[in-house]
Amino acid sequence: MALLSVIRRWAFRDGMSIREITRRTGLSRNTIRKYLRSDAVEPKFEMVDRPSKLDPFADQLSGWLKTEASRSRKQRRTGKQIHADLVVLGYDGSYSRVAAFIRAWKADRQVQEQTTGRGTFVPLVFMAGEAFQFDWSEDWAILGGERVKLQAAHTKLSHSRAFIVRAYPLQTHEMLFDAHQHAFRVLGGVPRRGIYDNMKTAVDRIGTGKARQVNARFAAMASHYLFEPEFCNPASGWEKGQVEKNVQDARRRLWQRLPAFPHLDALNAWLEEQCIAEWAQIPHGNLPGTVADIWAQEVPDLMKPGRPFDGFVEHTKRVSPTCLVHFDRNRYSVPASFANRPVSLRIYPDRIVVVAEGQKVCEHTRVIDRTHRSPGRTIYDWRHYLAVVQRKPGAMRNGAPFIELPDAFRQLRQQLLRRAGGDREMVDILALVLQHDEQAVLCAVELALEAGVATKTHILNILHRLVDGKTASVMPIDAPQALVLRREPQADVGRYDTLMKEVRHAS
């Protein structure tokens, strides 16, 4: 192109002859004349259409590429795999020719999508309090010294672009409900619409167009908070582009340095503080001011949330003969009176509640372990087995639920089991927690151990004193070293004779 520009300047500006230009450039006169007659400002080379070994397989290859484009990214064949399949059909050309064909096919397909509107977008504008967008992402953090994969829930107001991120171990229903509860609390209210993708916890079945079969529990949550759920078209993440971008920004702002905390609650408290602090630093973009400024203007248009949605997921389970229910590879104890009976498990993000006959039976802290390094854990509550050991006191010696007794009860058990009948006595002492406050019973046991009298009778005596408000210990008596009689008795034998006369003897 530089040589053509020089030839044009020499000929048209400097008036140089074609012979001189030929001498200087080394090109033929005909080439110089052709360039000058065409009035071209840049060289153009005609591509010669040469036959290729791939031409007989072009239609087959185009069909394959169209099929591969409809598959998920992880299921698509690579270019080398496609080349190997063509070789099986008789193609004896190189892989580079196949790769060039694939690049050209993808470029043409991209042009077609842009011209048909799939590659172009329309900017969206949301009114204050109109909508929020929700999405999940997978991120990593260090909890308790261990690197853990977490599921981060992102909620973002579409107008002010205020956002909140909260981490969970799973993407289940109860985690989703809890994420909404905290999001509405932090954001200051509930918008009129919620925009989601077609996640399985919200959509049971995707219909034609915008038709969706919404999950019953998700619909109940939306009805409780009084917002209308709206779902994007499949594989159309740009329809909720604000929260999609928030996922990328959060990885850079929050997760890139791999935050480390002792437990999940501490991490979520830190995430909430960081998100609120970011509002004051991020400019809104479309409106003057920061995200925090626009959020303060949007809050009056949000509906204040009422009581939190009781976001549990219920499962029906049957209690085993060992008074255990199974859930998610773990086992939880239930009071012995419900053994071999059906109960309902209400699953929350952090706890499990057992319900039977419309009443709450017991509650356990939920155990979530996704490493699958162990067969599961058994969480006991020794109080649930008191009715059983009252009939079978021998189980007190090796009963698994009684391994985690309080320290005072463990020390008492060690002493009582050394003598005959100690197991029965220990069961009777533990059964006191069914009638009295457990802390009072523990205090009575500790005082009995300090006094060195670890017996049921002594513990009952101390417990009754504690319940009645009396001091458990006897006040010391300050007695003198020797007693002195103030009035010395006088010896009088006559008094004895008088007493003898008054006594009547039985005949």
Protein backbone atom coordinates (compact mmCIF):
# COMPACT_ATOMS: atom_id res chain seq x y z
CA MET A 1 0.00 0.00 0.00
CA ALA A 2 2.93 2.38 0.73
CA LEU A 3 4.45 1.66 -2.70
CA LEU A 4 1.15 2.42 -4.46
CA SER A 5 0.93 5.74 -2.63
CA VAL A 6 4.49 6.62 -3.73
CA ILE A 7 3.73 5.73 -7.39
CA ARG A 8 0.60 7.91 -7.37
CA ARG A 9 2.52 10.90 -5.91
CA TRP A 10 5.36 10.56 -8.45
CA ALA A 11 2.96 10.33 -11.39
CA PHE A 12 0.19 12.82 -10.52
CA ARG A 13 1.96 15.33 -8.28
CA ASP A 14 5.55 15.34 -9.47
CA GLY A 15 4.76 14.55 -13.15
CA MET A 16 7.34 11.79 -13.28
CA SER A 17 7.39 9.59 -16.45
CA ILE A 18 6.39 5.94 -16.38
CA ARG A 19 9.91 4.99 -17.55
CA GLU A 20 11.46 6.73 -14.53
CA ILE A 21 8.95 5.19 -12.12
CA THR A 22 9.71 1.77 -13.63
CA ARG A 23 13.45 2.35 -13.16
CA ARG A 24 13.02 3.35 -9.53
CA THR A 25 10.52 0.69 -8.46
CA GLY A 26 11.58 -2.25 -10.64
CA LEU A 27 7.96 -2.87 -11.68
CA SER A 28 6.95 -3.35 -15.30
CA ARG A 29 5.45 -0.49 -17.31
CA ASN A 30 2.19 -2.40 -17.73
CA THR A 31 1.86 -2.78 -13.94
CA ILE A 32 2.48 0.94 -13.43
CA ARG A 33 -0.09 1.83 -16.12
CA LYS A 34 -2.67 -0.56 -14.59
CA TYR A 35 -2.32 1.03 -11.15
CA LEU A 36 -2.62 4.54 -12.54
CA ARG A 37 -5.60 3.78 -14.84
CA SER A 38 -7.61 2.00 -12.15
CA ASP A 39 -7.39 5.07 -9.89
CA ALA A 40 -7.06 2.70 -6.90
CA VAL A 41 -5.80 4.13 -3.61
CA GLU A 42 -5.02 0.70 -2.07
CA PRO A 43 -3.98 -2.58 -3.70
CA LYS A 44 -6.60 -5.27 -4.08
CA PHE A 45 -5.81 -8.89 -4.76
CA GLU A 46 -8.34 -11.23 -6.22
CA MET A 47 -8.78 -14.48 -4.30
CA VAL A 48 -8.58 -17.42 -6.61
CA ASP A 49 -11.22 -20.01 -5.87
CA ARG A 50 -9.21 -23.20 -5.70
CA PRO A 51 -10.81 -26.60 -5.12
CA SER A 52 -10.27 -28.11 -1.63
CA LYS A 53 -10.29 -31.67 -0.34
CA LEU A 54 -12.89 -30.50 2.18
CA ASP A 55 -15.45 -29.43 -0.45
CA PRO A 56 -17.20 -32.86 -0.66
CA PHE A 57 -17.64 -32.82 3.14
CA ALA A 58 -18.71 -29.16 3.47
CA ASP A 59 -22.44 -29.90 3.86
CA GLN A 60 -21.76 -32.70 6.34
CA LEU A 61 -19.44 -30.47 8.37
CA SER A 62 -21.93 -27.57 8.39
CA GLY A 63 -24.64 -29.89 9.73
CA TRP A 64 -22.33 -31.12 12.47
CA LEU A 65 -21.43 -27.57 13.49
CA LYS A 66 -25.09 -26.58 13.65
CA THR A 67 -25.82 -29.56 15.90
CA GLU A 68 -22.84 -28.83 18.13
CA ALA A 69 -23.93 -25.20 18.54
CA SER A 70 -27.22 -26.34 20.10
CA ARG A 71 -25.45 -28.47 22.73
CA SER A 72 -24.10 -27.30 26.06
CA ARG A 73 -20.50 -26.12 26.18
CA LYS A 74 -19.29 -29.20 28.04
CA GLN A 75 -20.87 -31.62 25.56
CA ARG A 76 -19.57 -30.07 22.33
CA ARG A 77 -16.94 -31.84 20.25
CA THR A 78 -13.63 -30.12 19.71
CA GLY A 79 -12.23 -29.30 16.28
CA LYS A 80 -9.79 -32.20 16.49
CA GLN A 81 -12.60 -34.61 17.30
CA ILE A 82 -14.56 -33.37 14.28
CA HIS A 83 -11.45 -33.76 12.09
CA ALA A 84 -11.05 -37.35 13.31
CA ASP A 85 -14.70 -38.11 12.45
CA LEU A 86 -14.18 -36.67 8.95
CA VAL A 87 -11.13 -38.89 8.47
CA VAL A 88 -13.34 -41.89 9.23
CA LEU A 89 -15.66 -40.75 6.41
CA GLY A 90 -12.76 -40.56 3.95
CA TYR A 91 -11.34 -37.05 4.33
CA ASP A 92 -7.55 -37.10 3.88
CA GLY A 93 -6.83 -33.39 4.26
CA SER A 94 -5.16 -31.51 7.11
CA TYR A 95 -6.65 -30.36 10.38
CA SER A 96 -5.77 -26.71 9.65
CA ARG A 97 -8.20 -26.69 6.70
CA VAL A 98 -10.98 -28.00 8.95
CA ALA A 99 -10.14 -25.38 11.60
CA ALA A 100 -10.28 -22.60 8.99
CA PHE A 101 -13.70 -23.86 7.83
CA ILE A 102 -14.99 -23.85 11.44
CA ARG A 103 -13.75 -20.29 12.01
CA ALA A 104 -15.41 -19.05 8.85
CA TRP A 105 -18.67 -20.87 9.71
CA LYS A 106 -18.77 -19.32 13.20
CA ALA A 107 -18.08 -15.83 11.78
CA ASP A 108 -20.94 -16.18 9.26
CA ARG A 109 -23.26 -17.47 12.00
CA GLN A 110 -22.40 -14.53 14.23
CA VAL A 111 -23.18 -12.08 11.44
CA GLN A 112 -26.51 -13.79 10.82
CA GLU A 113 -27.45 -13.61 14.51
CA GLN A 114 -26.61 -9.91 14.66
CA THR A 115 -28.60 -9.11 11.56
CA THR A 116 -31.61 -11.04 12.91
CA GLY A 117 -31.51 -9.17 16.23
CA ARG A 118 -30.08 -11.86 18.53
CA GLY A 119 -26.79 -10.03 18.90
CA THR A 120 -28.32 -6.61 19.60
CA PHE A 121 -29.93 -5.35 22.79
CA VAL A 122 -32.19 -2.55 24.00
CA PRO A 123 -31.21 -0.56 27.11
CA LEU A 124 -33.68 -1.03 29.96
CA VAL A 125 -34.93 1.59 32.41
CA PHE A 126 -36.68 0.72 35.68
CA MET A 127 -38.81 2.98 37.85
CA ALA A 128 -38.17 3.34 41.57
CA GLY A 129 -39.48 0.34 43.49
CA GLU A 130 -40.41 -1.50 40.31
CA ALA A 131 -38.22 -4.61 40.27
CA PHE A 132 -35.28 -6.52 41.70
CA GLN A 133 -33.09 -9.20 40.11
CA PHE A 134 -31.82 -12.40 41.73
CA ASP A 135 -29.12 -14.90 40.82
CA TRP A 136 -26.77 -17.52 42.31
CA SER A 137 -23.02 -17.91 41.90
CA GLU A 138 -20.34 -20.32 43.16
CA ASP A 139 -17.47 -18.81 45.13
CA TRP A 140 -14.83 -19.92 47.62
CA ALA A 141 -13.92 -18.84 51.14
CA ILE A 142 -11.93 -20.15 54.10
CA LEU A 143 -14.18 -21.17 57.00
CA GLY A 144 -12.61 -22.55 60.14
CA GLY A 145 -9.25 -22.90 58.41
CA GLU A 146 -10.65 -24.98 55.51
CA ARG A 147 -11.24 -23.88 51.91
CA VAL A 148 -14.96 -24.29 51.24
CA LYS A 149 -17.08 -23.86 48.10
CA LEU A 150 -20.12 -21.67 48.80
CA GLN A 151 -23.27 -20.66 46.95
CA ALA A 152 -23.64 -16.87 46.91
CA ALA A 153 -27.12 -15.33 46.59
CA HIS A 154 -27.11 -11.98 44.75
CA THR A 155 -30.10 -9.61 45.04
CA LYS A 156 -30.04 -6.24 43.28
CA LEU A 157 -32.58 -3.41 42.99
CA SER A 158 -33.05 -2.60 39.31
CA HIS A 159 -33.54 1.16 39.79
CA SER A 160 -30.97 2.21 42.40
CA ARG A 161 -28.68 -0.82 41.75
CA ALA A 162 -28.21 -1.39 45.48
CA PHE A 163 -27.15 -5.00 46.02
CA ILE A 164 -26.63 -7.55 48.77
CA VAL A 165 -24.62 -10.78 48.68
CA ARG A 166 -25.14 -13.63 51.15
CA ALA A 167 -23.35 -17.00 51.23
CA TYR A 168 -24.90 -20.44 51.78
CA PRO A 169 -23.65 -24.01 51.58
CA LEU A 170 -26.44 -25.05 49.15
CA GLN A 171 -28.91 -23.64 46.61
CA THR A 172 -31.93 -25.39 48.12
CA HIS A 173 -35.37 -23.95 48.85
CA GLU A 174 -34.71 -23.06 52.47
CA MET A 175 -31.51 -21.22 51.50
CA LEU A 176 -33.40 -19.32 48.78
CA PHE A 177 -36.13 -18.23 51.20
CA ASP A 178 -33.59 -17.11 53.79
CA ALA A 179 -31.70 -15.11 51.15
CA HIS A 180 -34.88 -13.19 50.24
CA GLN A 181 -35.66 -12.48 53.88
CA HIS A 182 -32.23 -10.93 54.53
CA ALA A 183 -32.20 -9.14 51.16
CA PHE A 184 -35.50 -7.35 51.84
CA ARG A 185 -34.28 -6.48 55.34
CA VAL A 186 -31.04 -4.90 54.07
CA LEU A 187 -32.55 -3.24 50.99
CA GLY A 188 -35.30 -1.66 53.06
CA GLY A 189 -38.37 -3.12 51.39
CA VAL A 190 -39.91 -5.27 48.66
CA PRO A 191 -40.27 -4.11 45.01
CA ARG A 192 -43.31 -4.97 42.91
CA ARG A 193 -41.57 -7.53 40.66
CA GLY A 194 -38.76 -10.06 40.96
CA ILE A 195 -36.75 -11.15 37.90
CA TYR A 196 -35.24 -14.67 37.94
CA ASP A 197 -33.76 -17.23 35.62
CA ASN A 198 -35.42 -20.65 35.42
CA MET A 199 -33.79 -22.13 38.53
CA LYS A 200 -35.13 -25.48 39.70
CA THR A 201 -36.07 -24.14 43.14
CA ALA A 202 -38.51 -21.73 41.49
CA VAL A 203 -39.69 -23.38 38.25
CA ASP A 204 -40.92 -26.96 38.08
CA ARG A 205 -41.52 -26.95 34.32
CA ILE A 206 -40.81 -24.50 31.49
CA GLY A 207 -43.72 -24.05 29.10
CA THR A 208 -44.08 -22.31 25.75
CA GLY A 209 -43.01 -18.69 25.69
CA LYS A 210 -43.34 -17.15 29.14
CA ALA A 211 -45.52 -19.96 30.55
CA ARG A 212 -44.00 -21.46 33.71
CA GLN A 213 -45.16 -24.02 36.26
CA VAL A 214 -43.97 -22.29 39.42
CA ASN A 215 -42.92 -24.31 42.44
CA ALA A 216 -45.59 -24.29 45.17
CA ARG A 217 -43.29 -23.22 48.01
CA PHE A 218 -41.70 -20.48 45.87
CA ALA A 219 -45.17 -19.22 44.94
CA ALA A 220 -46.07 -19.18 48.63
CA MET A 221 -43.03 -17.01 49.38
CA ALA A 222 -43.90 -14.60 46.55
CA SER A 223 -47.47 -14.40 47.85
CA HIS A 224 -46.22 -13.72 51.39
CA TYR A 225 -43.97 -10.83 50.33
CA LEU A 226 -46.51 -9.60 47.72
CA PHE A 227 -44.25 -9.40 44.66
CA GLU A 228 -44.80 -10.82 41.18
CA PRO A 229 -42.13 -13.29 40.01
CA GLU A 230 -41.00 -12.96 36.39
CA PHE A 231 -38.76 -15.49 34.64
CA CYS A 232 -36.31 -14.94 31.78
CA ASN A 233 -36.27 -16.92 28.56
CA PRO A 234 -34.03 -20.02 28.74
CA ALA A 235 -30.32 -19.22 28.22
CA SER A 236 -31.04 -15.48 28.12
CA GLY A 237 -28.99 -14.09 30.96
CA TRP A 238 -28.97 -10.60 29.43
CA GLU A 239 -32.62 -10.20 30.48
CA LYS A 240 -31.32 -9.75 34.04
CA GLY A 241 -27.99 -8.24 33.06
CA GLN A 242 -27.64 -6.05 36.15
CA VAL A 243 -27.37 -8.95 38.58
CA GLU A 244 -25.27 -10.94 36.09
CA LYS A 245 -22.76 -8.09 36.09
CA ASN A 246 -23.01 -7.93 39.87
CA VAL A 247 -21.83 -11.56 40.02
CA GLN A 248 -18.69 -10.63 38.09
CA ASP A 249 -18.07 -7.46 40.10
CA ALA A 250 -18.53 -9.28 43.42
CA ARG A 251 -15.84 -11.80 42.49
CA ARG A 252 -13.40 -8.97 42.00
CA ARG A 253 -14.45 -6.89 45.00
CA LEU A 254 -15.32 -9.54 47.61
CA TRP A 255 -14.09 -13.02 46.72
CA GLN A 256 -10.79 -12.44 44.92
CA ARG A 257 -8.72 -12.36 48.12
CA LEU A 258 -10.45 -15.50 49.49
CA PRO A 259 -12.00 -14.14 52.74
CA ALA A 260 -11.26 -16.16 55.88
CA PHE A 261 -13.64 -16.37 58.86
CA PRO A 262 -14.27 -18.83 61.69
CA HIS A 263 -17.82 -19.67 60.55
CA LEU A 264 -20.48 -18.82 57.97
CA ASP A 265 -22.34 -16.30 60.14
CA ALA A 266 -19.21 -14.18 60.52
CA LEU A 267 -18.67 -14.28 56.75
CA ASN A 268 -22.24 -13.14 56.03
CA ALA A 269 -21.96 -10.30 58.53
CA TRP A 270 -18.79 -9.15 56.75
CA LEU A 271 -20.42 -9.46 53.32
CA GLU A 272 -23.34 -7.31 54.44
CA GLU A 273 -21.03 -4.60 55.75
CA GLN A 274 -18.93 -4.64 52.58
CA CYS A 275 -21.95 -4.40 50.27
CA ILE A 276 -23.41 -1.42 52.14
CA ALA A 277 -19.99 0.28 52.13
CA GLU A 278 -19.69 -0.28 48.36
CA TRP A 279 -22.98 1.57 47.74
CA ALA A 280 -21.38 4.85 48.81
CA GLN A 281 -18.35 4.33 46.54
CA ILE A 282 -19.94 3.13 43.27
CA PRO A 283 -21.40 5.82 40.98
CA HIS A 284 -24.86 5.00 39.68
CA GLY A 285 -23.96 5.65 36.04
CA ASN A 286 -27.31 6.71 34.62
CA LEU A 287 -28.35 9.08 37.43
CA PRO A 288 -26.26 11.70 39.24
CA GLY A 289 -24.85 10.47 42.53
CA THR A 290 -23.77 7.17 44.01
CA VAL A 291 -25.77 3.98 44.43
CA ALA A 292 -26.37 4.93 48.06
CA ASP A 293 -27.84 8.30 47.03
CA ILE A 294 -30.31 6.77 44.57
CA TRP A 295 -31.16 3.97 47.02
CA ALA A 296 -32.13 6.54 49.67
CA GLN A 297 -34.55 8.05 47.12
CA GLU A 298 -35.98 4.63 46.17
CA VAL A 299 -36.67 3.32 49.69
CA PRO A 300 -40.00 5.22 50.08
CA ASP A 301 -41.30 3.42 46.95
CA LEU A 302 -40.57 -0.03 48.42
CA MET A 303 -43.15 -1.94 50.43
CA LYS A 304 -42.02 -2.46 54.00
CA PRO A 305 -41.62 -6.20 54.70
CA GLY A 306 -43.83 -7.65 57.44
CA ARG A 307 -43.07 -10.73 59.46
CA PRO A 308 -40.46 -13.03 57.86
CA PHE A 309 -41.67 -15.89 55.70
CA ASP A 310 -41.46 -19.23 57.50
CA GLY A 311 -39.20 -20.64 54.82
CA PHE A 312 -38.90 -24.30 55.71
CA VAL A 313 -39.06 -27.38 53.51
CA GLU A 314 -41.06 -30.24 55.02
CA HIS A 315 -40.31 -33.96 54.74
CA THR A 316 -42.19 -36.88 56.25
CA LYS A 317 -39.93 -39.39 57.99
CA ARG A 318 -40.41 -42.47 60.15
CA VAL A 319 -38.56 -42.61 63.47
CA SER A 320 -36.37 -45.71 63.81
CA PRO A 321 -36.48 -48.05 66.85
CA THR A 322 -33.31 -46.32 68.05
CA CYS A 323 -35.23 -43.00 68.16
CA LEU A 324 -33.46 -41.53 65.11
CA VAL A 325 -34.61 -39.87 61.89
CA HIS A 326 -32.42 -39.77 58.79
CA PHE A 327 -31.91 -36.69 56.63
CA ASP A 328 -29.14 -35.82 54.19
CA ARG A 329 -26.77 -38.63 55.30
CA ASN A 330 -27.10 -37.61 58.97
CA ARG A 331 -29.21 -38.92 61.86
CA TYR A 332 -31.00 -36.85 64.51
CA SER A 333 -32.53 -38.09 67.77
CA VAL A 334 -36.23 -37.80 68.61
CA PRO A 335 -37.96 -38.34 72.00
CA ALA A 336 -38.48 -42.05 72.66
CA SER A 337 -42.27 -41.68 72.79
CA PHE A 338 -42.25 -41.14 69.00
CA ALA A 339 -40.17 -44.22 68.11
CA ASN A 340 -41.57 -46.23 65.17
CA ARG A 341 -43.97 -43.40 64.33
CA PRO A 342 -44.11 -40.92 61.40
CA VAL A 343 -43.02 -37.34 62.07
CA SER A 344 -42.48 -34.24 59.94
CA LEU A 345 -39.05 -32.64 59.48
CA ARG A 346 -39.05 -28.91 58.84
CA ILE A 347 -35.72 -28.03 57.24
CA TYR A 348 -34.30 -24.56 57.79
CA PRO A 349 -30.88 -23.29 56.65
CA ASP A 350 -29.38 -23.63 60.13
CA ARG A 351 -31.66 -26.01 62.06
CA ILE A 352 -34.03 -28.97 61.80
CA VAL A 353 -37.37 -28.94 63.65
CA VAL A 354 -39.28 -32.19 64.31
CA VAL A 355 -43.06 -31.78 64.38
CA ALA A 356 -45.66 -34.40 65.30
CA GLU A 357 -49.38 -34.11 65.90
CA GLY A 358 -49.22 -30.39 65.13
CA GLN A 359 -46.73 -29.72 67.94
CA LYS A 360 -43.00 -29.02 67.92
CA VAL A 361 -41.27 -32.10 69.35
CA CYS A 362 -37.60 -31.13 69.29
CA GLU A 363 -35.01 -29.08 67.42
CA HIS A 364 -31.42 -29.75 66.29
CA THR A 365 -28.67 -27.66 64.77
CA ARG A 366 -28.42 -28.70 61.13
CA VAL A 367 -25.23 -30.45 60.01
CA ILE A 368 -24.18 -29.89 56.38
CA ASP A 369 -21.12 -31.73 55.08
CA ARG A 370 -20.56 -31.76 51.30
CA THR A 371 -17.11 -33.34 51.40
CA HIS A 372 -18.50 -36.91 51.64
CA ARG A 373 -15.41 -37.89 53.60
CA SER A 374 -17.48 -39.65 56.27
CA PRO A 375 -20.63 -41.78 56.20
CA GLY A 376 -22.54 -39.12 58.12
CA ARG A 377 -22.97 -37.99 61.71
CA THR A 378 -25.42 -38.88 64.47
CA ILE A 379 -26.64 -35.98 66.60
CA TYR A 380 -27.98 -37.16 69.97
CA ASP A 381 -29.90 -35.43 72.72
CA TRP A 382 -29.55 -37.59 75.85
CA ARG A 383 -32.83 -36.23 77.24
CA HIS A 384 -34.69 -38.05 74.44
CA TYR A 385 -33.58 -41.43 75.85
CA LEU A 386 -34.51 -40.97 79.52
CA ALA A 387 -37.77 -42.89 79.11
CA VAL A 388 -35.83 -45.83 77.66
CA VAL A 389 -33.09 -46.01 80.31
CA GLN A 390 -35.69 -45.88 83.08
CA ARG A 391 -36.83 -49.30 81.82
CA LYS A 392 -33.31 -50.41 80.84
CA PRO A 393 -30.87 -48.78 83.29
CA GLY A 394 -28.03 -51.03 82.11
CA ALA A 395 -27.82 -48.95 78.93
CA MET A 396 -26.46 -46.10 81.02
CA ARG A 397 -23.00 -47.70 81.03
CA ASN A 398 -22.37 -47.81 77.25
CA GLY A 399 -25.26 -45.81 75.79
CA ALA A 400 -24.07 -43.67 72.86
CA PRO A 401 -26.41 -40.75 73.66
CA PHE A 402 -24.83 -40.38 77.12
CA ILE A 403 -21.26 -39.89 75.89
CA GLU A 404 -21.80 -36.12 75.61
CA LEU A 405 -23.31 -35.56 79.06
CA PRO A 406 -22.37 -32.35 80.91
CA ASP A 407 -19.16 -32.62 82.91
CA ALA A 408 -20.88 -32.84 86.29
CA PHE A 409 -23.16 -35.67 85.13
CA ARG A 410 -20.18 -37.53 83.65
CA GLN A 411 -18.21 -37.35 86.88
CA LEU A 412 -21.25 -38.50 88.86
CA ARG A 413 -21.78 -41.43 86.49
CA GLN A 414 -18.18 -42.54 86.88
CA GLN A 415 -18.60 -42.68 90.66
CA LEU A 416 -22.05 -44.27 90.76
CA LEU A 417 -21.31 -47.04 88.24
CA ARG A 418 -18.55 -48.34 90.49
CA ARG A 419 -21.04 -49.70 93.01
CA ALA A 420 -23.99 -52.04 92.72
CA GLY A 421 -27.25 -50.35 91.74
CA GLY A 422 -25.43 -47.24 90.64
CA ASP A 423 -26.90 -47.34 87.15
CA ARG A 424 -30.46 -47.20 88.52
CA GLU A 425 -29.49 -44.37 90.87
CA MET A 426 -27.88 -42.45 87.99
CA VAL A 427 -31.02 -42.84 85.88
CA ASP A 428 -33.16 -41.46 88.71
CA ILE A 429 -30.88 -38.43 89.05
CA LEU A 430 -30.93 -37.71 85.30
CA ALA A 431 -34.72 -38.05 85.30
CA LEU A 432 -34.88 -35.06 87.63
CA VAL A 433 -34.39 -32.78 84.60
CA LEU A 434 -37.89 -33.80 83.45
CA GLN A 435 -39.41 -32.19 86.56
CA HIS A 436 -36.91 -29.48 87.50
CA ASP A 437 -34.75 -26.96 85.72
CA GLU A 438 -31.68 -28.64 84.26
CA GLN A 439 -29.32 -25.96 85.55
CA ALA A 440 -30.67 -26.43 89.09
CA VAL A 441 -30.07 -30.20 88.87
CA LEU A 442 -26.55 -29.60 87.53
CA CYS A 443 -25.83 -27.18 90.38
CA ALA A 444 -27.06 -29.73 92.93
CA VAL A 445 -24.82 -32.42 91.42
CA GLU A 446 -21.80 -30.10 91.43
CA LEU A 447 -22.37 -29.23 95.11
CA ALA A 448 -22.74 -32.91 96.00
CA LEU A 449 -19.47 -33.72 94.22
CA GLU A 450 -17.67 -30.91 96.02
CA ALA A 451 -18.99 -32.22 99.36
CA GLY A 452 -17.82 -35.73 98.48
CA VAL A 453 -21.33 -37.21 99.01
CA ALA A 454 -22.39 -38.37 95.53
CA THR A 455 -25.69 -40.03 96.46
CA LYS A 456 -29.20 -39.66 95.19
CA THR A 457 -30.53 -38.73 98.65
CA HIS A 458 -27.99 -35.96 99.17
CA ILE A 459 -28.55 -34.54 95.67
CA LEU A 460 -32.32 -34.50 96.24
CA ASN A 461 -31.80 -32.68 99.53
CA ILE A 462 -29.62 -30.03 97.88
CA LEU A 463 -32.03 -29.69 94.94
CA HIS A 464 -35.02 -29.12 97.23
CA ARG A 465 -33.09 -26.46 99.11
CA LEU A 466 -32.23 -24.72 95.81
CA VAL A 467 -35.82 -24.91 94.59
CA ASP A 468 -37.18 -23.59 97.93
CA GLY A 469 -34.68 -20.73 97.90
CA LYS A 470 -32.75 -21.99 100.92
CA THR A 471 -29.00 -22.16 101.09
CA ALA A 472 -27.68 -25.54 100.11
CA SER A 473 -24.82 -25.45 102.61
CA VAL A 474 -25.18 -25.33 106.43
CA MET A 475 -23.87 -22.20 108.09
CA PRO A 476 -20.88 -22.96 110.33
CA ILE A 477 -21.45 -22.77 114.13
CA ASP A 478 -18.89 -20.85 116.13
CA ALA A 479 -18.82 -23.05 119.28
CA PRO A 480 -16.49 -22.32 122.26
CA GLN A 481 -13.67 -24.69 123.13
CA ALA A 482 -15.34 -25.75 126.41
CA LEU A 483 -18.89 -25.49 127.74
CA VAL A 484 -19.38 -23.93 131.17
CA LEU A 485 -22.60 -24.47 133.17
CA ARG A 486 -24.00 -21.30 134.57
CA ARG A 487 -26.08 -23.22 137.21
CA GLU A 488 -24.53 -26.29 138.69
CA PRO A 489 -27.03 -29.15 139.44
CA GLN A 490 -27.46 -30.18 143.10
CA ALA A 491 -27.56 -33.83 144.20
CA ASP A 492 -30.93 -34.61 145.90
CA VAL A 493 -31.84 -38.29 146.47
CA GLY A 494 -35.22 -37.33 147.79
CA ARG A 495 -36.30 -36.17 144.36
CA TYR A 496 -35.69 -39.65 143.06
CA ASP A 497 -37.92 -41.17 145.77
CA THR A 498 -40.67 -38.72 144.87
CA LEU A 499 -40.56 -39.81 141.29
CA MET A 500 -40.71 -43.48 142.28
CA LYS A 501 -43.94 -42.93 144.19
CA GLU A 502 -45.65 -41.20 141.24
CA VAL A 503 -44.88 -43.97 138.75
CA ARG A 504 -47.53 -46.63 138.40
CA HIS A 505 -46.26 -50.06 137.49
CA ALA A 506 -48.26 -52.41 135.33
CA SER A 507 -49.44 -55.47 137.25
